[in-house]
Amino acid sequence: MDAVSEVKSRLNIEDVVSQYVQLKRSGRNFKGLSPWTNEKTPSFMVSPEKQIWHDFSGNKGGDVFSFVMEVEGLDFRQALEMLARKAGVD
């Protein structure tokens, strides 16, 4: 298994995202306020089942890596290293 797959298998996207966004359960998903816009109505969704996120206000989305890259301003390698540390992957 490569490092990317291993990190994805060990981390839940909702746990990572909830360090930046206050999430509330909404059916099978979680919703919250976009971290990139000053909105009053939640348009940010996280699907634990699919391990993806989508920000309807900014029309962005992706997996746990793209979220960390976007919110922290990192490139893929830096995001992978940061998440690998959280997941306990070398």
C-alpha atoms as a PDB file:
ATOM      1  CA  MET A   1       0.000   0.000   0.000  1.00  0.00           C
ATOM      2  CA  ASP A   2       1.406   3.420  -0.864  1.00  0.00           C
ATOM      3  CA  ALA A   3       1.627   6.257   1.648  1.00  0.00           C
ATOM      4  CA  VAL A   4      -1.375   8.123   0.167  1.00  0.00           C
ATOM      5  CA  SER A   5      -3.682   5.086   0.458  1.00  0.00           C
ATOM      6  CA  GLU A   6      -2.410   4.286   3.922  1.00  0.00           C
ATOM      7  CA  VAL A   7      -3.008   7.826   5.189  1.00  0.00           C
ATOM      8  CA  LYS A   8      -6.519   7.810   3.661  1.00  0.00           C
ATOM      9  CA  SER A   9      -7.304   4.462   5.284  1.00  0.00           C
ATOM     10  CA  ARG A  10      -6.191   5.650   8.737  1.00  0.00           C
ATOM     11  CA  LEU A  11      -7.792   9.112   8.810  1.00  0.00           C
ATOM     12  CA  ASN A  12     -11.469  10.018   8.688  1.00  0.00           C
ATOM     13  CA  ILE A  13     -12.024  13.115   6.618  1.00  0.00           C
ATOM     14  CA  GLU A  14     -14.582  14.457   9.099  1.00  0.00           C
ATOM     15  CA  ASP A  15     -11.996  14.317  11.910  1.00  0.00           C
ATOM     16  CA  VAL A  16      -9.450  16.304   9.889  1.00  0.00           C
ATOM     17  CA  VAL A  17     -11.967  18.850   8.576  1.00  0.00           C
ATOM     18  CA  SER A  18     -13.514  19.344  12.032  1.00  0.00           C
ATOM     19  CA  GLN A  19     -10.200  20.793  13.219  1.00  0.00           C
ATOM     20  CA  TYR A  20     -10.964  23.749  10.910  1.00  0.00           C
ATOM     21  CA  VAL A  21     -14.748  23.759  10.483  1.00  0.00           C
ATOM     22  CA  GLN A  22     -17.454  23.167  13.080  1.00  0.00           C
ATOM     23  CA  LEU A  23     -19.397  20.249  11.593  1.00  0.00           C
ATOM     24  CA  LYS A  24     -22.933  19.134  12.387  1.00  0.00           C
ATOM     25  CA  ARG A  25     -24.378  15.800  11.359  1.00  0.00           C
ATOM     26  CA  SER A  26     -26.878  16.071   8.506  1.00  0.00           C
ATOM     27  CA  GLY A  27     -28.213  12.641   7.558  1.00  0.00           C
ATOM     28  CA  ARG A  28     -25.267  10.558   6.386  1.00  0.00           C
ATOM     29  CA  ASN A  29     -23.098  13.652   5.905  1.00  0.00           C
ATOM     30  CA  PHE A  30     -21.809  16.564   7.923  1.00  0.00           C
ATOM     31  CA  LYS A  31     -22.347  20.226   7.142  1.00  0.00           C
ATOM     32  CA  GLY A  32     -20.726  23.430   8.274  1.00  0.00           C
ATOM     33  CA  LEU A  33     -19.895  26.997   7.312  1.00  0.00           C
ATOM     34  CA  SER A  34     -17.362  27.413   4.530  1.00  0.00           C
ATOM     35  CA  PRO A  35     -13.899  28.287   5.883  1.00  0.00           C
ATOM     36  CA  TRP A  36     -13.352  30.528   2.837  1.00  0.00           C
ATOM     37  CA  THR A  37     -16.469  32.719   2.800  1.00  0.00           C
ATOM     38  CA  ASN A  38     -18.417  34.670   5.428  1.00  0.00           C
ATOM     39  CA  GLU A  39     -21.655  32.781   5.050  1.00  0.00           C
ATOM     40  CA  LYS A  40     -24.533  32.450   7.470  1.00  0.00           C
ATOM     41  CA  THR A  41     -26.067  29.316   5.950  1.00  0.00           C
ATOM     42  CA  PRO A  42     -23.899  26.180   5.870  1.00  0.00           C
ATOM     43  CA  SER A  43     -22.881  25.254   2.325  1.00  0.00           C
ATOM     44  CA  PHE A  44     -19.870  23.148   3.232  1.00  0.00           C
ATOM     45  CA  MET A  45     -20.493  19.388   3.194  1.00  0.00           C
ATOM     46  CA  VAL A  46     -18.375  16.393   4.194  1.00  0.00           C
ATOM     47  CA  SER A  47     -19.232  12.827   3.200  1.00  0.00           C
ATOM     48  CA  PRO A  48     -17.598  10.289   5.560  1.00  0.00           C
ATOM     49  CA  GLU A  49     -18.894   7.491   3.323  1.00  0.00           C
ATOM     50  CA  LYS A  50     -17.108   8.809   0.209  1.00  0.00           C
ATOM     51  CA  GLN A  51     -14.306  10.520   2.191  1.00  0.00           C
ATOM     52  CA  ILE A  52     -14.825  13.771   0.238  1.00  0.00           C
ATOM     53  CA  TRP A  53     -15.761  17.407   0.928  1.00  0.00           C
ATOM     54  CA  HIS A  54     -17.542  20.032  -1.143  1.00  0.00           C
ATOM     55  CA  ASP A  55     -17.873  23.766  -0.624  1.00  0.00           C
ATOM     56  CA  PHE A  56     -20.927  24.906  -2.587  1.00  0.00           C
ATOM     57  CA  SER A  57     -20.259  28.608  -1.944  1.00  0.00           C
ATOM     58  CA  GLY A  58     -16.786  28.455  -3.483  1.00  0.00           C
ATOM     59  CA  ASN A  59     -17.496  25.537  -5.822  1.00  0.00           C
ATOM     60  CA  LYS A  60     -14.480  23.594  -4.527  1.00  0.00           C
ATOM     61  CA  GLY A  61     -14.190  20.040  -3.360  1.00  0.00           C
ATOM     62  CA  GLY A  62     -12.010  16.983  -3.125  1.00  0.00           C
ATOM     63  CA  ASP A  63     -10.454  14.570  -0.686  1.00  0.00           C
ATOM     64  CA  VAL A  64      -8.657  15.018   2.627  1.00  0.00           C
ATOM     65  CA  PHE A  65      -5.433  16.028   0.851  1.00  0.00           C
ATOM     66  CA  SER A  66      -7.018  18.757  -1.274  1.00  0.00           C
ATOM     67  CA  PHE A  67      -8.779  20.131   1.821  1.00  0.00           C
ATOM     68  CA  VAL A  68      -5.539  20.457   3.789  1.00  0.00           C
ATOM     69  CA  MET A  69      -3.754  21.921   0.749  1.00  0.00           C
ATOM     70  CA  GLU A  70      -6.509  24.508   0.317  1.00  0.00           C
ATOM     71  CA  VAL A  71      -6.972  25.472   3.979  1.00  0.00           C
ATOM     72  CA  GLU A  72      -3.263  25.455   4.941  1.00  0.00           C
ATOM     73  CA  GLY A  73      -1.871  26.758   1.621  1.00  0.00           C
ATOM     74  CA  LEU A  74       0.358  23.707   1.192  1.00  0.00           C
ATOM     75  CA  ASP A  75       1.449  21.728  -1.857  1.00  0.00           C
ATOM     76  CA  PHE A  76       0.581  18.039  -2.124  1.00  0.00           C
ATOM     77  CA  ARG A  77       3.847  16.776  -0.644  1.00  0.00           C
ATOM     78  CA  GLN A  78       3.551  19.078   2.400  1.00  0.00           C
ATOM     79  CA  ALA A  79      -0.086  18.046   2.920  1.00  0.00           C
ATOM     80  CA  LEU A  80       0.881  14.377   2.637  1.00  0.00           C
ATOM     81  CA  GLU A  81       3.658  14.810   5.210  1.00  0.00           C
ATOM     82  CA  MET A  82       1.371  16.660   7.633  1.00  0.00           C
ATOM     83  CA  LEU A  83      -1.430  14.071   7.341  1.00  0.00           C
ATOM     84  CA  ALA A  84       1.036  11.163   7.503  1.00  0.00           C
ATOM     85  CA  ARG A  85       2.259  12.512  10.848  1.00  0.00           C
ATOM     86  CA  LYS A  86      -1.342  12.703  12.125  1.00  0.00           C
ATOM     87  CA  ALA A  87      -1.996   9.167  10.890  1.00  0.00           C
ATOM     88  CA  GLY A  88       1.261   7.739  12.263  1.00  0.00           C
ATOM     89  CA  VAL A  89       2.528   6.745   8.794  1.00  0.00           C
ATOM     90  CA  ASP A  90       6.232   6.996   7.918  1.00  0.00           C
END
